[in-house]
Structure formats: structure tokens, C-alpha cells
Amino acid sequence: MSLPKPYFVYTFLLLALASAAYFHTAQAQTLQVGEMAPDFSLKNQHDKTVTLSQFKGHWVILYFYPKDETPGCTTEACSFRDNINKLIAQKATILGVSVDSVSSHKEFQTKHKLPFDLLADKNGLVAKQYDSLLDLIVMKFAKRHTFIINPEGRIAKIYTDVDPKEHVRIVLTDLKALQRSDH
């Protein structure tokens, strides 16, 4: 019994995509704690340009997430929202980044009453700078990574294994410790 040709073509394409994605991410340079955070310029949900450098002198929680309105991403965003007063008390600014569009971010922000900027990285260049891009060639997603950036613009903490339900609690604890050790 022989399998139809489309099966082989489909299997070949899947293997090629998986290999390309693996080798593409394997070659990425990894950012390290203590390095300067790469600056960027992206549009927020209000179509206003936001740069990392405009927050020099402030703590920044820069979190990358795969997609607006997906369960884990909504959980994480709403957890940042629900803890916004604690984060503000710690003098931290929250910036969320995904490869979604400005209009998608606007809908997501409005629906969930998110009091922080969501930045549209449509081509994935910023996510790539932060080793946070999953490029499957036919589609791109930001990986669920978070960076705490200190007031000098240096990376103070990197999270690559994020549980959306617990993440903000951990970030708050780590931010307090980093701020204490910074004085």
C-alpha cells in the first residue's frame, strides 16, 4: 500500500518548517543579566510611539506574550492589571509586547481594562532582539519571556519559563529584592 503524494509533501514541509525554526532559534544570541537592554521604538494600542529609552531612570517590566485574547496571555495581562498599584508603588512601568497589530492591542486593552501599554511588534524584530521570537516561517509569535530592566537601562532579571498564573507575584518579589540591592 502506498501513501498519496500530498501526504509526503505535507510531511516534508512540516519537517522543513520544524528544522528551520529549530536552527533559527538555536543561532540566536542570548541576552544576559547586566547587559544593556536593546532600545526599540514601537506603536502602542493608541498608535503612539513608545521607546524603551524614554523610561531611562525608571524600572521597566518588559513582557513578551504570544497573542492577544488567548487564555494564558489574558491571564498574564489581567494579573499585571490587578497588581498595577503594587507595581506603581515600586516605581515600575509595565510594557507588553506581541506581534499582534495596534488595532488588536486596542481591542484587548479595552476589553480587559489594561492600564499599561501594549506594543505592536508586527515584524517581530524587537522580540528577536530579546531572544523572544518563535519564527515558524509561515507565522511568528513572541515567546512568553519577561525582562526586568533597571533605571540605567540594564537587564536585571530574565524569565524564560513563565507560568501566567504565578508570574506577576514572582516579578513583584524579585523587583523588591532587586530594588533593595540597588541602593
C-alpha atoms as a PDB file:
ATOM      1  CA  MET A   1       0.000   0.000   0.000  1.00  0.00           C
ATOM      2  CA  SER A   2       1.444   3.377  -0.924  1.00  0.00           C
ATOM      3  CA  LEU A   3       0.575   6.693   0.633  1.00  0.00           C
ATOM      4  CA  PRO A   4      -0.748   9.521  -1.531  1.00  0.00           C
ATOM      5  CA  LYS A   5       1.756  12.121  -2.735  1.00  0.00           C
ATOM      6  CA  PRO A   6       0.156  15.020  -0.791  1.00  0.00           C
ATOM      7  CA  TYR A   7       0.952  13.134   2.440  1.00  0.00           C
ATOM      8  CA  PHE A   8       4.667  13.075   1.611  1.00  0.00           C
ATOM      9  CA  VAL A   9       4.669  16.720   0.546  1.00  0.00           C
ATOM     10  CA  TYR A  10       2.859  17.735   3.741  1.00  0.00           C
ATOM     11  CA  THR A  11       5.232  15.701   5.925  1.00  0.00           C
ATOM     12  CA  PHE A  12       8.266  17.133   4.141  1.00  0.00           C
ATOM     13  CA  LEU A  13       7.004  20.703   4.587  1.00  0.00           C
ATOM     14  CA  LEU A  14       6.335  20.146   8.298  1.00  0.00           C
ATOM     15  CA  LEU A  15       9.809  18.709   8.831  1.00  0.00           C
ATOM     16  CA  ALA A  16      11.384  21.564   6.874  1.00  0.00           C
ATOM     17  CA  LEU A  17       9.492  24.159   8.925  1.00  0.00           C
ATOM     18  CA  ALA A  18      10.372  22.484  12.218  1.00  0.00           C
ATOM     19  CA  SER A  19      14.046  22.243  11.233  1.00  0.00           C
ATOM     20  CA  ALA A  20      14.175  25.857  10.099  1.00  0.00           C
ATOM     21  CA  ALA A  21      12.543  27.039  13.318  1.00  0.00           C
ATOM     22  CA  TYR A  22      14.933  24.958  15.425  1.00  0.00           C
ATOM     23  CA  PHE A  23      18.073  26.123  13.682  1.00  0.00           C
ATOM     24  CA  HIS A  24      16.840  29.719  13.537  1.00  0.00           C
ATOM     25  CA  THR A  25      16.302  29.848  17.302  1.00  0.00           C
ATOM     26  CA  ALA A  26      19.454  27.835  18.045  1.00  0.00           C
ATOM     27  CA  GLN A  27      21.536  30.537  16.362  1.00  0.00           C
ATOM     28  CA  ALA A  28      20.029  33.433  18.333  1.00  0.00           C
ATOM     29  CA  GLN A  29      22.385  35.320  20.612  1.00  0.00           C
ATOM     30  CA  THR A  30      21.225  35.135  24.214  1.00  0.00           C
ATOM     31  CA  LEU A  31      20.901  38.299  26.277  1.00  0.00           C
ATOM     32  CA  GLN A  32      22.448  38.216  29.719  1.00  0.00           C
ATOM     33  CA  VAL A  33      21.689  39.893  33.034  1.00  0.00           C
ATOM     34  CA  GLY A  34      23.814  43.041  33.312  1.00  0.00           C
ATOM     35  CA  GLU A  35      23.781  43.829  29.585  1.00  0.00           C
ATOM     36  CA  MET A  36      22.166  46.962  28.229  1.00  0.00           C
ATOM     37  CA  ALA A  37      18.610  46.237  27.164  1.00  0.00           C
ATOM     38  CA  PRO A  38      18.215  46.771  23.416  1.00  0.00           C
ATOM     39  CA  ASP A  39      16.358  50.011  22.718  1.00  0.00           C
ATOM     40  CA  PHE A  40      13.309  49.935  20.485  1.00  0.00           C
ATOM     41  CA  SER A  41      10.578  52.098  19.038  1.00  0.00           C
ATOM     42  CA  LEU A  42       7.093  50.542  18.689  1.00  0.00           C
ATOM     43  CA  LYS A  43       3.493  51.739  18.421  1.00  0.00           C
ATOM     44  CA  ASN A  44       1.192  51.193  21.387  1.00  0.00           C
ATOM     45  CA  GLN A  45      -2.550  50.453  21.367  1.00  0.00           C
ATOM     46  CA  HIS A  46      -3.233  54.186  20.839  1.00  0.00           C
ATOM     47  CA  ASP A  47      -0.911  54.301  17.789  1.00  0.00           C
ATOM     48  CA  LYS A  48       1.618  56.390  19.754  1.00  0.00           C
ATOM     49  CA  THR A  49       5.330  55.617  19.511  1.00  0.00           C
ATOM     50  CA  VAL A  50       6.926  54.217  22.663  1.00  0.00           C
ATOM     51  CA  THR A  51      10.680  53.762  23.084  1.00  0.00           C
ATOM     52  CA  LEU A  52      12.496  51.949  25.848  1.00  0.00           C
ATOM     53  CA  SER A  53      14.919  54.860  26.203  1.00  0.00           C
ATOM     54  CA  GLN A  54      12.073  57.179  27.281  1.00  0.00           C
ATOM     55  CA  PHE A  55      11.930  55.197  30.546  1.00  0.00           C
ATOM     56  CA  LYS A  56      15.583  55.722  31.469  1.00  0.00           C
ATOM     57  CA  GLY A  57      15.707  56.380  35.200  1.00  0.00           C
ATOM     58  CA  HIS A  58      12.738  54.041  35.840  1.00  0.00           C
ATOM     59  CA  TRP A  59      12.316  50.333  36.395  1.00  0.00           C
ATOM     60  CA  VAL A  60      10.618  48.600  33.439  1.00  0.00           C
ATOM     61  CA  ILE A  61       8.862  45.253  33.314  1.00  0.00           C
ATOM     62  CA  LEU A  62       9.032  44.295  29.634  1.00  0.00           C
ATOM     63  CA  TYR A  63       6.964  41.220  28.961  1.00  0.00           C
ATOM     64  CA  PHE A  64       6.563  39.393  25.668  1.00  0.00           C
ATOM     65  CA  TYR A  65       3.486  37.262  25.064  1.00  0.00           C
ATOM     66  CA  PRO A  66       2.255  35.134  22.150  1.00  0.00           C
ATOM     67  CA  LYS A  67      -1.176  36.509  21.236  1.00  0.00           C
ATOM     68  CA  ASP A  68      -3.959  38.835  22.346  1.00  0.00           C
ATOM     69  CA  GLU A  69      -7.102  37.120  23.657  1.00  0.00           C
ATOM     70  CA  THR A  70      -5.566  33.703  24.217  1.00  0.00           C
ATOM     71  CA  PRO A  71      -6.140  32.144  27.660  1.00  0.00           C
ATOM     72  CA  GLY A  72      -2.575  32.324  29.039  1.00  0.00           C
ATOM     73  CA  CYS A  73      -1.936  35.783  27.634  1.00  0.00           C
ATOM     74  CA  THR A  74      -5.197  37.119  29.032  1.00  0.00           C
ATOM     75  CA  THR A  75      -4.432  35.601  32.437  1.00  0.00           C
ATOM     76  CA  GLU A  76      -0.972  37.186  32.491  1.00  0.00           C
ATOM     77  CA  ALA A  77      -2.165  40.611  31.278  1.00  0.00           C
ATOM     78  CA  CYS A  78      -5.037  40.691  33.787  1.00  0.00           C
ATOM     79  CA  SER A  79      -2.642  39.709  36.573  1.00  0.00           C
ATOM     80  CA  PHE A  80      -0.437  42.698  35.697  1.00  0.00           C
ATOM     81  CA  ARG A  81      -3.618  44.818  35.660  1.00  0.00           C
ATOM     82  CA  ASP A  82      -4.763  43.505  39.043  1.00  0.00           C
ATOM     83  CA  ASN A  83      -1.355  44.261  40.579  1.00  0.00           C
ATOM     84  CA  ILE A  84      -0.798  47.607  38.877  1.00  0.00           C
ATOM     85  CA  ASN A  85      -0.942  49.591  42.136  1.00  0.00           C
ATOM     86  CA  LYS A  86       1.770  47.410  43.688  1.00  0.00           C
ATOM     87  CA  LEU A  87       3.911  47.814  40.576  1.00  0.00           C
ATOM     88  CA  ILE A  88       3.386  51.584  40.532  1.00  0.00           C
ATOM     89  CA  ALA A  89       4.265  51.714  44.237  1.00  0.00           C
ATOM     90  CA  GLN A  90       7.539  50.023  43.281  1.00  0.00           C
ATOM     91  CA  LYS A  91       8.001  52.702  40.597  1.00  0.00           C
ATOM     92  CA  ALA A  92       7.825  50.172  37.753  1.00  0.00           C
ATOM     93  CA  THR A  93       6.393  50.648  34.264  1.00  0.00           C
ATOM     94  CA  ILE A  94       4.777  47.684  32.505  1.00  0.00           C
ATOM     95  CA  LEU A  95       5.172  47.206  28.741  1.00  0.00           C
ATOM     96  CA  GLY A  96       3.607  44.221  26.958  1.00  0.00           C
ATOM     97  CA  VAL A  97       4.854  43.203  23.506  1.00  0.00           C
ATOM     98  CA  SER A  98       3.488  40.775  20.933  1.00  0.00           C
ATOM     99  CA  VAL A  99       3.459  40.523  17.155  1.00  0.00           C
ATOM    100  CA  ASP A 100      -0.237  41.495  17.106  1.00  0.00           C
ATOM    101  CA  SER A 101      -1.388  44.715  15.431  1.00  0.00           C
ATOM    102  CA  VAL A 102      -2.131  48.074  17.033  1.00  0.00           C
ATOM    103  CA  SER A 103      -5.872  47.501  16.498  1.00  0.00           C
ATOM    104  CA  SER A 104      -5.719  44.041  18.089  1.00  0.00           C
ATOM    105  CA  HIS A 105      -3.923  45.545  21.099  1.00  0.00           C
ATOM    106  CA  LYS A 106      -6.529  48.313  21.335  1.00  0.00           C
ATOM    107  CA  GLU A 107      -9.376  45.767  21.477  1.00  0.00           C
ATOM    108  CA  PHE A 108      -7.505  43.607  24.012  1.00  0.00           C
ATOM    109  CA  GLN A 109      -6.621  46.605  26.194  1.00  0.00           C
ATOM    110  CA  THR A 110     -10.168  47.995  26.090  1.00  0.00           C
ATOM    111  CA  LYS A 111     -11.914  44.671  26.755  1.00  0.00           C
ATOM    112  CA  HIS A 112      -9.744  43.853  29.775  1.00  0.00           C
ATOM    113  CA  LYS A 113      -9.194  47.440  31.007  1.00  0.00           C
ATOM    114  CA  LEU A 114      -5.412  47.089  30.885  1.00  0.00           C
ATOM    115  CA  PRO A 115      -3.767  50.239  32.331  1.00  0.00           C
ATOM    116  CA  PHE A 116      -0.422  49.845  30.569  1.00  0.00           C
ATOM    117  CA  ASP A 117       0.981  49.952  27.048  1.00  0.00           C
ATOM    118  CA  LEU A 118       0.736  47.007  24.690  1.00  0.00           C
ATOM    119  CA  LEU A 119       3.290  47.373  21.910  1.00  0.00           C
ATOM    120  CA  ALA A 120       2.822  46.095  18.364  1.00  0.00           C
ATOM    121  CA  ASP A 121       5.923  44.315  17.069  1.00  0.00           C
ATOM    122  CA  LYS A 122       4.301  43.205  13.790  1.00  0.00           C
ATOM    123  CA  ASN A 123       7.514  42.052  12.112  1.00  0.00           C
ATOM    124  CA  GLY A 124       8.951  40.511  15.294  1.00  0.00           C
ATOM    125  CA  LEU A 125      12.195  42.499  15.192  1.00  0.00           C
ATOM    126  CA  VAL A 126      12.080  43.590  18.836  1.00  0.00           C
ATOM    127  CA  ALA A 127      11.094  40.100  20.011  1.00  0.00           C
ATOM    128  CA  LYS A 128      14.070  38.791  18.024  1.00  0.00           C
ATOM    129  CA  GLN A 129      16.418  41.338  19.689  1.00  0.00           C
ATOM    130  CA  TYR A 130      15.242  39.966  23.049  1.00  0.00           C
ATOM    131  CA  ASP A 131      15.610  36.307  22.037  1.00  0.00           C
ATOM    132  CA  SER A 132      11.833  36.083  22.384  1.00  0.00           C
ATOM    133  CA  LEU A 133      10.692  35.300  18.844  1.00  0.00           C
ATOM    134  CA  LEU A 134       9.322  31.972  17.732  1.00  0.00           C
ATOM    135  CA  ASP A 135       9.637  32.169  13.947  1.00  0.00           C
ATOM    136  CA  LEU A 136       7.871  29.288  12.231  1.00  0.00           C
ATOM    137  CA  ILE A 137       8.477  30.918   8.831  1.00  0.00           C
ATOM    138  CA  VAL A 138       4.766  30.878   7.946  1.00  0.00           C
ATOM    139  CA  MET A 139       3.896  32.651  11.200  1.00  0.00           C
ATOM    140  CA  LYS A 140       5.643  34.372  14.089  1.00  0.00           C
ATOM    141  CA  PHE A 141       4.838  34.559  17.786  1.00  0.00           C
ATOM    142  CA  ALA A 142       6.536  36.192  20.727  1.00  0.00           C
ATOM    143  CA  LYS A 143       7.668  33.697  23.346  1.00  0.00           C
ATOM    144  CA  ARG A 144       6.384  34.234  26.871  1.00  0.00           C
ATOM    145  CA  HIS A 145       9.502  35.938  28.276  1.00  0.00           C
ATOM    146  CA  THR A 146       9.853  38.814  30.718  1.00  0.00           C
ATOM    147  CA  PHE A 147      12.720  41.192  31.430  1.00  0.00           C
ATOM    148  CA  ILE A 148      13.143  43.470  34.429  1.00  0.00           C
ATOM    149  CA  ILE A 149      15.168  46.450  33.254  1.00  0.00           C
ATOM    150  CA  ASN A 150      16.809  48.707  35.840  1.00  0.00           C
ATOM    151  CA  PRO A 151      16.821  52.534  35.763  1.00  0.00           C
ATOM    152  CA  GLU A 152      20.197  52.551  33.959  1.00  0.00           C
ATOM    153  CA  GLY A 153      18.682  50.500  31.126  1.00  0.00           C
ATOM    154  CA  ARG A 154      20.425  47.241  32.035  1.00  0.00           C
ATOM    155  CA  ILE A 155      18.724  43.865  32.185  1.00  0.00           C
ATOM    156  CA  ALA A 156      18.350  42.992  35.859  1.00  0.00           C
ATOM    157  CA  LYS A 157      16.340  39.758  35.560  1.00  0.00           C
ATOM    158  CA  ILE A 158      15.232  37.435  32.742  1.00  0.00           C
ATOM    159  CA  TYR A 159      12.325  34.995  32.866  1.00  0.00           C
ATOM    160  CA  THR A 160      12.035  32.398  30.102  1.00  0.00           C
ATOM    161  CA  ASP A 161       9.876  29.857  31.918  1.00  0.00           C
ATOM    162  CA  VAL A 162       6.721  31.794  32.737  1.00  0.00           C
ATOM    163  CA  ASP A 163       3.569  30.483  34.390  1.00  0.00           C
ATOM    164  CA  PRO A 164       0.924  33.130  33.575  1.00  0.00           C
ATOM    165  CA  LYS A 165      -0.942  32.493  36.847  1.00  0.00           C
ATOM    166  CA  GLU A 166       2.052  32.957  39.166  1.00  0.00           C
ATOM    167  CA  HIS A 167       4.349  35.170  37.137  1.00  0.00           C
ATOM    168  CA  VAL A 168       3.381  38.629  38.405  1.00  0.00           C
ATOM    169  CA  ARG A 169       3.709  37.542  42.040  1.00  0.00           C
ATOM    170  CA  ILE A 170       7.236  36.320  41.312  1.00  0.00           C
ATOM    171  CA  VAL A 171       8.093  39.502  39.392  1.00  0.00           C
ATOM    172  CA  LEU A 172       6.906  41.654  42.318  1.00  0.00           C
ATOM    173  CA  THR A 173       9.036  39.693  44.794  1.00  0.00           C
ATOM    174  CA  ASP A 174      12.114  39.819  42.553  1.00  0.00           C
ATOM    175  CA  LEU A 175      11.621  43.515  41.772  1.00  0.00           C
ATOM    176  CA  LYS A 176      11.582  44.343  45.500  1.00  0.00           C
ATOM    177  CA  ALA A 177      14.787  42.362  46.038  1.00  0.00           C
ATOM    178  CA  LEU A 178      16.487  43.985  43.040  1.00  0.00           C
ATOM    179  CA  GLN A 179      15.499  47.464  44.205  1.00  0.00           C
ATOM    180  CA  ARG A 180      16.814  46.774  47.725  1.00  0.00           C
ATOM    181  CA  SER A 181      20.145  45.551  46.370  1.00  0.00           C
ATOM    182  CA  ASP A 182      20.338  48.523  44.008  1.00  0.00           C
ATOM    183  CA  HIS A 183      20.557  51.006  46.904  1.00  0.00           C
END
